[in-house]
Amino acid sequence: TIFGYPGGAVLPLYDAIYQHDDIHHILARHEQGALHEAEGFA
């Protein structure tokens, strides 16, 4: 499980996520949100 938000510098990684069946990506609506979501998970 990964919480995240895409942008230009991570496009290669997001392209790999698109093709990876074992990664569950949660699209946050703000990067601070992604970090707190990861905190709640942990």
All heavy atoms as atom14 arrays in JSON, in Angstrom:
{
  "sequence": "TIFGYPGGAVLPLYDAIYQHDDIHHILARHEQGALHEAEGFA",
  "atom14_mask": [
    [1, 1, 1, 1, 1, 1, 1, 0, 0, 0, 0, 0, 0, 0],
    [1, 1, 1, 1, 1, 1, 1, 1, 0, 0, 0, 0, 0, 0],
    [1, 1, 1, 1, 1, 1, 1, 1, 1, 1, 1, 0, 0, 0],
    [1, 1, 1, 1, 0, 0, 0, 0, 0, 0, 0, 0, 0, 0],
    [1, 1, 1, 1, 1, 1, 1, 1, 1, 1, 1, 1, 0, 0],
    [1, 1, 1, 1, 1, 1, 1, 0, 0, 0, 0, 0, 0, 0],
    [1, 1, 1, 1, 0, 0, 0, 0, 0, 0, 0, 0, 0, 0],
    [1, 1, 1, 1, 0, 0, 0, 0, 0, 0, 0, 0, 0, 0],
    [1, 1, 1, 1, 1, 0, 0, 0, 0, 0, 0, 0, 0, 0],
    [1, 1, 1, 1, 1, 1, 1, 0, 0, 0, 0, 0, 0, 0],
    [1, 1, 1, 1, 1, 1, 1, 1, 0, 0, 0, 0, 0, 0],
    [1, 1, 1, 1, 1, 1, 1, 0, 0, 0, 0, 0, 0, 0],
    [1, 1, 1, 1, 1, 1, 1, 1, 0, 0, 0, 0, 0, 0],
    [1, 1, 1, 1, 1, 1, 1, 1, 1, 1, 1, 1, 0, 0],
    [1, 1, 1, 1, 1, 1, 1, 1, 0, 0, 0, 0, 0, 0],
    [1, 1, 1, 1, 1, 0, 0, 0, 0, 0, 0, 0, 0, 0],
    [1, 1, 1, 1, 1, 1, 1, 1, 0, 0, 0, 0, 0, 0],
    [1, 1, 1, 1, 1, 1, 1, 1, 1, 1, 1, 1, 0, 0],
    [1, 1, 1, 1, 1, 1, 1, 1, 1, 0, 0, 0, 0, 0],
    [1, 1, 1, 1, 1, 1, 1, 1, 1, 1, 0, 0, 0, 0],
    [1, 1, 1, 1, 1, 1, 1, 1, 0, 0, 0, 0, 0, 0],
    [1, 1, 1, 1, 1, 1, 1, 1, 0, 0, 0, 0, 0, 0],
    [1, 1, 1, 1, 1, 1, 1, 1, 0, 0, 0, 0, 0, 0],
    [1, 1, 1, 1, 1, 1, 1, 1, 1, 1, 0, 0, 0, 0],
    [1, 1, 1, 1, 1, 1, 1, 1, 1, 1, 0, 0, 0, 0],
    [1, 1, 1, 1, 1, 1, 1, 1, 0, 0, 0, 0, 0, 0],
    [1, 1, 1, 1, 1, 1, 1, 1, 0, 0, 0, 0, 0, 0],
    [1, 1, 1, 1, 1, 0, 0, 0, 0, 0, 0, 0, 0, 0],
    [1, 1, 1, 1, 1, 1, 1, 1, 1, 1, 1, 0, 0, 0],
    [1, 1, 1, 1, 1, 1, 1, 1, 1, 1, 0, 0, 0, 0],
    [1, 1, 1, 1, 1, 1, 1, 1, 1, 0, 0, 0, 0, 0],
    [1, 1, 1, 1, 1, 1, 1, 1, 1, 0, 0, 0, 0, 0],
    [1, 1, 1, 1, 0, 0, 0, 0, 0, 0, 0, 0, 0, 0],
    [1, 1, 1, 1, 1, 0, 0, 0, 0, 0, 0, 0, 0, 0],
    [1, 1, 1, 1, 1, 1, 1, 1, 0, 0, 0, 0, 0, 0],
    [1, 1, 1, 1, 1, 1, 1, 1, 1, 1, 0, 0, 0, 0],
    [1, 1, 1, 1, 1, 1, 1, 1, 1, 0, 0, 0, 0, 0],
    [1, 1, 1, 1, 1, 0, 0, 0, 0, 0, 0, 0, 0, 0],
    [1, 1, 1, 1, 1, 1, 1, 1, 1, 0, 0, 0, 0, 0],
    [1, 1, 1, 1, 0, 0, 0, 0, 0, 0, 0, 0, 0, 0],
    [1, 1, 1, 1, 1, 1, 1, 1, 1, 1, 1, 0, 0, 0],
    [1, 1, 1, 1, 1, 0, 0, 0, 0, 0, 0, 0, 0, 0]
  ],
  "atom14_positions": [
    [[0.84, -1.2, 0.0], [0.0, 0.0, 0.0], [0.87, 1.25, 0.0], [1.77, 1.39, 0.83], [-0.93, 0.02, 1.23], [-1.76, -1.15, 1.2], [-1.81, 1.26, 1.22], [0.0, 0.0, 0.0], [0.0, 0.0, 0.0], [0.0, 0.0, 0.0], [0.0, 0.0, 0.0], [0.0, 0.0, 0.0], [0.0, 0.0, 0.0], [0.0, 0.0, 0.0]],
    [[0.59, 2.15, -0.94], [1.3, 3.42, -1.06], [0.27, 4.54, -1.15], [-0.71, 4.44, -1.89], [2.2, 3.46, -2.31], [3.27, 2.37, -2.27], [2.86, 4.82, -2.47], [4.09, 2.29, -3.55], [0.0, 0.0, 0.0], [0.0, 0.0, 0.0], [0.0, 0.0, 0.0], [0.0, 0.0, 0.0], [0.0, 0.0, 0.0], [0.0, 0.0, 0.0]],
    [[0.51, 5.62, -0.43], [-0.31, 6.82, -0.52], [0.49, 7.87, -1.28], [1.66, 8.13, -0.96], [-0.67, 7.35, 0.87], [-1.41, 6.35, 1.71], [-0.72, 5.46, 2.52], [-2.79, 6.28, 1.68], [-1.4, 4.52, 3.3], [-3.48, 5.34, 2.44], [-2.78, 4.46, 3.25], [0.0, 0.0, 0.0], [0.0, 0.0, 0.0], [0.0, 0.0, 0.0]],
    [[-0.1, 8.47, -2.31], [0.72, 9.38, -3.08], [-0.03, 10.35, -3.96], [-1.28, 10.35, -4.01], [0.0, 0.0, 0.0], [0.0, 0.0, 0.0], [0.0, 0.0, 0.0], [0.0, 0.0, 0.0], [0.0, 0.0, 0.0], [0.0, 0.0, 0.0], [0.0, 0.0, 0.0], [0.0, 0.0, 0.0], [0.0, 0.0, 0.0], [0.0, 0.0, 0.0]],
    [[0.76, 11.16, -4.67], [0.23, 12.17, -5.58], [1.27, 12.37, -6.68], [2.42, 12.68, -6.4], [0.0, 13.49, -4.82], [-0.96, 14.43, -5.51], [-2.31, 14.42, -5.17], [-0.52, 15.33, -6.47], [-3.2, 15.29, -5.79], [-1.4, 16.2, -7.09], [-2.74, 16.18, -6.75], [-3.62, 17.03, -7.35], [0.0, 0.0, 0.0], [0.0, 0.0, 0.0]],
    [[0.89, 12.18, -7.95], [1.89, 12.19, -9.03], [2.32, 13.59, -9.44], [1.69, 14.59, -9.12], [1.16, 11.49, -10.18], [-0.28, 11.76, -9.91], [-0.44, 11.8, -8.42], [0.0, 0.0, 0.0], [0.0, 0.0, 0.0], [0.0, 0.0, 0.0], [0.0, 0.0, 0.0], [0.0, 0.0, 0.0], [0.0, 0.0, 0.0], [0.0, 0.0, 0.0]],
    [[3.42, 13.62, -10.16], [3.96, 14.86, -10.72], [5.08, 14.5, -11.68], [5.47, 13.33, -11.79], [0.0, 0.0, 0.0], [0.0, 0.0, 0.0], [0.0, 0.0, 0.0], [0.0, 0.0, 0.0], [0.0, 0.0, 0.0], [0.0, 0.0, 0.0], [0.0, 0.0, 0.0], [0.0, 0.0, 0.0], [0.0, 0.0, 0.0], [0.0, 0.0, 0.0]],
    [[5.62, 15.5, -12.34], [6.57, 15.26, -13.42], [7.75, 14.39, -13.05], [8.12, 13.47, -13.79], [0.0, 0.0, 0.0], [0.0, 0.0, 0.0], [0.0, 0.0, 0.0], [0.0, 0.0, 0.0], [0.0, 0.0, 0.0], [0.0, 0.0, 0.0], [0.0, 0.0, 0.0], [0.0, 0.0, 0.0], [0.0, 0.0, 0.0], [0.0, 0.0, 0.0]],
    [[8.37, 14.65, -11.9], [9.6, 13.94, -11.55], [9.37, 12.48, -11.18], [10.33, 11.7, -11.14], [10.3, 14.66, -10.39], [0.0, 0.0, 0.0], [0.0, 0.0, 0.0], [0.0, 0.0, 0.0], [0.0, 0.0, 0.0], [0.0, 0.0, 0.0], [0.0, 0.0, 0.0], [0.0, 0.0, 0.0], [0.0, 0.0, 0.0], [0.0, 0.0, 0.0]],
    [[8.13, 12.1, -10.9], [7.86, 10.7, -10.52], [7.04, 9.97, -11.59], [6.52, 8.88, -11.33], [7.15, 10.6, -9.15], [8.12, 10.92, -8.02], [5.92, 11.5, -9.08], [0.0, 0.0, 0.0], [0.0, 0.0, 0.0], [0.0, 0.0, 0.0], [0.0, 0.0, 0.0], [0.0, 0.0, 0.0], [0.0, 0.0, 0.0], [0.0, 0.0, 0.0]],
    [[6.95, 10.53, -12.78], [6.19, 9.86, -13.83], [6.73, 8.47, -14.16], [5.94, 7.53, -14.39], [6.13, 10.73, -15.08], [5.16, 11.93, -15.0], [5.22, 12.74, -16.28], [3.74, 11.47, -14.71], [0.0, 0.0, 0.0], [0.0, 0.0, 0.0], [0.0, 0.0, 0.0], [0.0, 0.0, 0.0], [0.0, 0.0, 0.0], [0.0, 0.0, 0.0]],
    [[8.05, 8.23, -14.19], [8.52, 6.87, -14.44], [8.02, 5.88, -13.37], [7.67, 4.74, -13.69], [10.05, 7.01, -14.4], [10.31, 8.42, -14.75], [9.18, 9.19, -14.14], [0.0, 0.0, 0.0], [0.0, 0.0, 0.0], [0.0, 0.0, 0.0], [0.0, 0.0, 0.0], [0.0, 0.0, 0.0], [0.0, 0.0, 0.0], [0.0, 0.0, 0.0]],
    [[7.98, 6.34, -12.13], [7.53, 5.47, -11.05], [6.02, 5.22, -11.14], [5.54, 4.1, -10.94], [7.89, 6.1, -9.71], [7.77, 5.23, -8.45], [8.39, 3.85, -8.64], [8.42, 5.94, -7.27], [0.0, 0.0, 0.0], [0.0, 0.0, 0.0], [0.0, 0.0, 0.0], [0.0, 0.0, 0.0], [0.0, 0.0, 0.0], [0.0, 0.0, 0.0]],
    [[5.25, 6.24, -11.51], [3.81, 6.05, -11.65], [3.49, 5.17, -12.86], [2.51, 4.41, -12.85], [3.08, 7.39, -11.72], [2.71, 7.87, -10.34], [3.57, 8.66, -9.59], [1.52, 7.48, -9.74], [3.26, 9.06, -8.31], [1.18, 7.87, -8.45], [2.05, 8.66, -7.74], [1.74, 9.03, -6.45], [0.0, 0.0, 0.0], [0.0, 0.0, 0.0]],
    [[4.3, 5.25, -13.88], [4.09, 4.37, -15.03], [4.33, 2.91, -14.62], [3.6, 2.01, -15.06], [5.04, 4.76, -16.16], [4.69, 4.07, -17.47], [3.53, 4.17, -17.91], [5.57, 3.39, -18.04], [0.0, 0.0, 0.0], [0.0, 0.0, 0.0], [0.0, 0.0, 0.0], [0.0, 0.0, 0.0], [0.0, 0.0, 0.0], [0.0, 0.0, 0.0]],
    [[5.32, 2.7, -13.76], [5.58, 1.34, -13.27], [4.45, 0.86, -12.37], [4.06, -0.31, -12.41], [6.92, 1.31, -12.53], [0.0, 0.0, 0.0], [0.0, 0.0, 0.0], [0.0, 0.0, 0.0], [0.0, 0.0, 0.0], [0.0, 0.0, 0.0], [0.0, 0.0, 0.0], [0.0, 0.0, 0.0], [0.0, 0.0, 0.0], [0.0, 0.0, 0.0]],
    [[3.9, 1.77, -11.54], [2.77, 1.4, -10.68], [1.58, 0.96, -11.53], [0.88, -0.01, -11.2], [2.39, 2.59, -9.77], [3.46, 2.79, -8.68], [1.01, 2.39, -9.12], [3.28, 4.06, -7.87], [0.0, 0.0, 0.0], [0.0, 0.0, 0.0], [0.0, 0.0, 0.0], [0.0, 0.0, 0.0], [0.0, 0.0, 0.0], [0.0, 0.0, 0.0]],
    [[1.34, 1.67, -12.62], [0.23, 1.35, -13.52], [0.31, -0.08, -14.02], [-0.72, -0.73, -14.25], [0.27, 2.34, -14.7], [-0.89, 2.22, -15.66], [-2.1, 2.85, -15.4], [-0.76, 1.49, -16.86], [-3.16, 2.77, -16.28], [-1.82, 1.4, -17.75], [-3.02, 2.03, -17.45], [-4.08, 1.95, -18.33], [0.0, 0.0, 0.0], [0.0, 0.0, 0.0]],
    [[1.52, -0.59, -14.16], [1.72, -1.92, -14.72], [2.02, -2.98, -13.66], [2.29, -4.13, -14.01], [2.89, -1.88, -15.72], [2.67, -0.88, -16.87], [3.87, -0.77, -17.77], [4.21, -1.7, -18.51], [4.56, 0.38, -17.71], [0.0, 0.0, 0.0], [0.0, 0.0, 0.0], [0.0, 0.0, 0.0], [0.0, 0.0, 0.0], [0.0, 0.0, 0.0]],
    [[1.97, -2.59, -12.38], [2.34, -3.52, -11.31], [1.09, -3.98, -10.57], [0.41, -3.18, -9.93], [3.32, -2.85, -10.34], [4.21, -3.8, -9.62], [3.73, -4.72, -8.7], [5.56, -4.0, -9.67], [4.74, -5.42, -8.22], [5.86, -5.01, -8.8], [0.0, 0.0, 0.0], [0.0, 0.0, 0.0], [0.0, 0.0, 0.0], [0.0, 0.0, 0.0]],
    [[0.79, -5.26, -10.62], [-0.46, -5.78, -10.05], [-0.47, -5.84, -8.53], [-1.54, -5.9, -7.91], [-0.75, -7.19, -10.6], [-1.02, -7.18, -12.1], [-1.47, -6.13, -12.6], [-0.77, -8.22, -12.75], [0.0, 0.0, 0.0], [0.0, 0.0, 0.0], [0.0, 0.0, 0.0], [0.0, 0.0, 0.0], [0.0, 0.0, 0.0], [0.0, 0.0, 0.0]],
    [[0.7, -5.85, -7.9], [0.76, -6.09, -6.46], [0.86, -4.82, -5.63], [0.96, -4.89, -4.41], [1.96, -6.99, -6.12], [1.8, -8.39, -6.7], [0.66, -8.88, -6.74], [2.81, -8.98, -7.12], [0.0, 0.0, 0.0], [0.0, 0.0, 0.0], [0.0, 0.0, 0.0], [0.0, 0.0, 0.0], [0.0, 0.0, 0.0], [0.0, 0.0, 0.0]],
    [[0.84, -3.67, -6.27], [0.92, -2.4, -5.54], [-0.46, -1.75, -5.52], [-1.09, -1.56, -6.56], [1.94, -1.45, -6.19], [3.35, -2.0, -6.03], [1.84, -0.05, -5.57], [3.87, -2.07, -4.61], [0.0, 0.0, 0.0], [0.0, 0.0, 0.0], [0.0, 0.0, 0.0], [0.0, 0.0, 0.0], [0.0, 0.0, 0.0], [0.0, 0.0, 0.0]],
    [[-0.92, -1.41, -4.32], [-2.21, -0.74, -4.13], [-1.91, 0.73, -3.83], [-1.48, 1.07, -2.73], [-2.97, -1.39, -2.96], [-4.33, -0.82, -2.75], [-4.94, -0.8, -1.51], [-5.21, -0.25, -3.61], [-6.13, -0.23, -1.61], [-6.32, 0.1, -2.88], [0.0, 0.0, 0.0], [0.0, 0.0, 0.0], [0.0, 0.0, 0.0], [0.0, 0.0, 0.0]],
    [[-2.13, 1.6, -4.8], [-1.85, 3.02, -4.65], [-3.13, 3.78, -4.33], [-4.15, 3.61, -4.99], [-1.22, 3.59, -5.93], [-0.89, 5.05, -5.84], [-1.81, 6.04, -6.08], [0.28, 5.67, -5.51], [-1.24, 7.21, -5.91], [0.03, 7.02, -5.57], [0.0, 0.0, 0.0], [0.0, 0.0, 0.0], [0.0, 0.0, 0.0], [0.0, 0.0, 0.0]],
    [[-3.07, 4.62, -3.29], [-4.21, 5.45, -2.9], [-3.89, 6.88, -3.33], [-2.89, 7.48, -2.9], [-4.43, 5.42, -1.37], [-4.5, 3.98, -0.86], [-5.69, 6.21, -1.01], [-5.62, 3.16, -1.45], [0.0, 0.0, 0.0], [0.0, 0.0, 0.0], [0.0, 0.0, 0.0], [0.0, 0.0, 0.0], [0.0, 0.0, 0.0], [0.0, 0.0, 0.0]],
    [[-4.73, 7.44, -4.19], [-4.52, 8.8, -4.7], [-5.05, 9.82, -3.71], [-6.26, 10.0, -3.56], [-5.2, 8.97, -6.06], [-5.1, 10.37, -6.68], [-3.64, 10.77, -6.9], [-5.9, 10.44, -7.98], [0.0, 0.0, 0.0], [0.0, 0.0, 0.0], [0.0, 0.0, 0.0], [0.0, 0.0, 0.0], [0.0, 0.0, 0.0], [0.0, 0.0, 0.0]],
    [[-4.14, 10.47, -3.0], [-4.52, 11.55, -2.09], [-4.95, 12.77, -2.9], [-4.86, 12.79, -4.13], [-3.34, 11.89, -1.18], [0.0, 0.0, 0.0], [0.0, 0.0, 0.0], [0.0, 0.0, 0.0], [0.0, 0.0, 0.0], [0.0, 0.0, 0.0], [0.0, 0.0, 0.0], [0.0, 0.0, 0.0], [0.0, 0.0, 0.0], [0.0, 0.0, 0.0]],
    [[-5.42, 13.79, -2.19], [-5.79, 15.03, -2.87], [-4.82, 16.17, -2.55], [-4.97, 17.28, -3.05], [-7.23, 15.43, -2.51], [-8.28, 14.42, -2.96], [-8.21, 14.16, -4.46], [-9.31, 13.35, -4.94], [-9.28, 12.04, -5.1], [-8.17, 11.35, -4.8], [-10.33, 11.37, -5.55], [0.0, 0.0, 0.0], [0.0, 0.0, 0.0], [0.0, 0.0, 0.0]],
    [[-3.83, 15.88, -1.74], [-2.78, 16.84, -1.39], [-1.65, 16.04, -0.77], [-1.89, 15.02, -0.11], [-3.31, 17.88, -0.39], [-2.38, 19.02, -0.12], [-1.3, 18.92, 0.75], [-2.36, 20.31, -0.57], [-0.66, 20.08, 0.8], [-1.29, 20.94, 0.0], [0.0, 0.0, 0.0], [0.0, 0.0, 0.0], [0.0, 0.0, 0.0], [0.0, 0.0, 0.0]],
    [[-0.42, 16.49, -0.99], [0.72, 15.71, -0.47], [0.71, 15.6, 1.05], [1.07, 14.57, 1.61], [2.04, 16.33, -0.95], [2.31, 16.14, -2.43], [1.77, 17.24, -3.31], [1.07, 18.14, -2.76], [2.01, 17.21, -4.54], [0.0, 0.0, 0.0], [0.0, 0.0, 0.0], [0.0, 0.0, 0.0], [0.0, 0.0, 0.0], [0.0, 0.0, 0.0]],
    [[0.3, 16.66, 1.74], [0.21, 16.56, 3.2], [-0.78, 15.47, 3.59], [-0.56, 14.71, 4.52], [-0.2, 17.88, 3.83], [-0.24, 17.82, 5.37], [-0.62, 19.15, 6.01], [-0.57, 20.19, 5.37], [-0.98, 19.11, 7.27], [0.0, 0.0, 0.0], [0.0, 0.0, 0.0], [0.0, 0.0, 0.0], [0.0, 0.0, 0.0], [0.0, 0.0, 0.0]],
    [[-1.9, 15.39, 2.83], [-2.87, 14.33, 3.08], [-2.26, 12.96, 2.91], [-2.51, 12.05, 3.71], [0.0, 0.0, 0.0], [0.0, 0.0, 0.0], [0.0, 0.0, 0.0], [0.0, 0.0, 0.0], [0.0, 0.0, 0.0], [0.0, 0.0, 0.0], [0.0, 0.0, 0.0], [0.0, 0.0, 0.0], [0.0, 0.0, 0.0], [0.0, 0.0, 0.0]],
    [[-1.46, 12.77, 1.88], [-0.82, 11.47, 1.65], [0.05, 11.06, 2.83], [0.06, 9.9, 3.24], [0.01, 11.53, 0.37], [0.0, 0.0, 0.0], [0.0, 0.0, 0.0], [0.0, 0.0, 0.0], [0.0, 0.0, 0.0], [0.0, 0.0, 0.0], [0.0, 0.0, 0.0], [0.0, 0.0, 0.0], [0.0, 0.0, 0.0], [0.0, 0.0, 0.0]],
    [[0.79, 12.03, 3.38], [1.67, 11.71, 4.52], [0.86, 11.34, 5.75], [1.18, 10.37, 6.45], [2.57, 12.91, 4.82], [3.94, 12.93, 4.12], [4.85, 11.84, 4.68], [3.83, 12.78, 2.62], [0.0, 0.0, 0.0], [0.0, 0.0, 0.0], [0.0, 0.0, 0.0], [0.0, 0.0, 0.0], [0.0, 0.0, 0.0], [0.0, 0.0, 0.0]],
    [[-0.21, 12.08, 6.05], [-1.02, 11.76, 7.22], [-1.78, 10.44, 7.02], [-2.03, 9.71, 7.99], [-2.0, 12.89, 7.52], [-1.35, 14.16, 7.95], [-0.2, 14.2, 8.73], [-1.68, 15.46, 7.73], [0.14, 15.46, 8.96], [-0.74, 16.24, 8.36], [0.0, 0.0, 0.0], [0.0, 0.0, 0.0], [0.0, 0.0, 0.0], [0.0, 0.0, 0.0]],
    [[-2.15, 10.14, 5.78], [-2.78, 8.84, 5.51], [-1.8, 7.71, 5.8], [-2.16, 6.7, 6.42], [-3.27, 8.81, 4.06], [-4.57, 9.57, 3.86], [-4.73, 10.2, 2.49], [-4.02, 9.81, 1.55], [-5.59, 11.11, 2.38], [0.0, 0.0, 0.0], [0.0, 0.0, 0.0], [0.0, 0.0, 0.0], [0.0, 0.0, 0.0], [0.0, 0.0, 0.0]],
    [[-0.55, 7.9, 5.41], [0.47, 6.9, 5.72], [0.68, 6.79, 7.23], [0.89, 5.69, 7.75], [1.78, 7.27, 5.04], [0.0, 0.0, 0.0], [0.0, 0.0, 0.0], [0.0, 0.0, 0.0], [0.0, 0.0, 0.0], [0.0, 0.0, 0.0], [0.0, 0.0, 0.0], [0.0, 0.0, 0.0], [0.0, 0.0, 0.0], [0.0, 0.0, 0.0]],
    [[0.59, 7.91, 7.93], [0.71, 7.89, 9.39], [-0.45, 7.12, 10.03], [-0.23, 6.31, 10.96], [0.7, 9.31, 9.94], [2.0, 10.05, 9.81], [1.97, 11.34, 10.61], [1.48, 12.36, 10.07], [2.42, 11.34, 11.77], [0.0, 0.0, 0.0], [0.0, 0.0, 0.0], [0.0, 0.0, 0.0], [0.0, 0.0, 0.0], [0.0, 0.0, 0.0]],
    [[-1.67, 7.38, 9.57], [-2.81, 6.67, 10.13], [-2.7, 5.18, 9.9], [-3.03, 4.37, 10.78], [0.0, 0.0, 0.0], [0.0, 0.0, 0.0], [0.0, 0.0, 0.0], [0.0, 0.0, 0.0], [0.0, 0.0, 0.0], [0.0, 0.0, 0.0], [0.0, 0.0, 0.0], [0.0, 0.0, 0.0], [0.0, 0.0, 0.0], [0.0, 0.0, 0.0]],
    [[-2.23, 4.79, 8.72], [-2.0, 3.38, 8.4], [-0.99, 2.79, 9.37], [-1.2, 1.71, 9.94], [-1.49, 3.28, 6.96], [-1.28, 1.89, 6.44], [-2.26, 1.27, 5.69], [-0.1, 1.2, 6.7], [-2.07, -0.02, 5.2], [0.11, -0.08, 6.22], [-0.89, -0.7, 5.47], [0.0, 0.0, 0.0], [0.0, 0.0, 0.0], [0.0, 0.0, 0.0]],
    [[0.12, 3.5, 9.59], [1.2, 2.98, 10.44], [0.82, 2.97, 11.91], [1.07, 1.99, 12.62], [2.46, 3.82, 10.22], [0.0, 0.0, 0.0], [0.0, 0.0, 0.0], [0.0, 0.0, 0.0], [0.0, 0.0, 0.0], [0.0, 0.0, 0.0], [0.0, 0.0, 0.0], [0.0, 0.0, 0.0], [0.0, 0.0, 0.0], [0.0, 0.0, 0.0]]
  ]
}
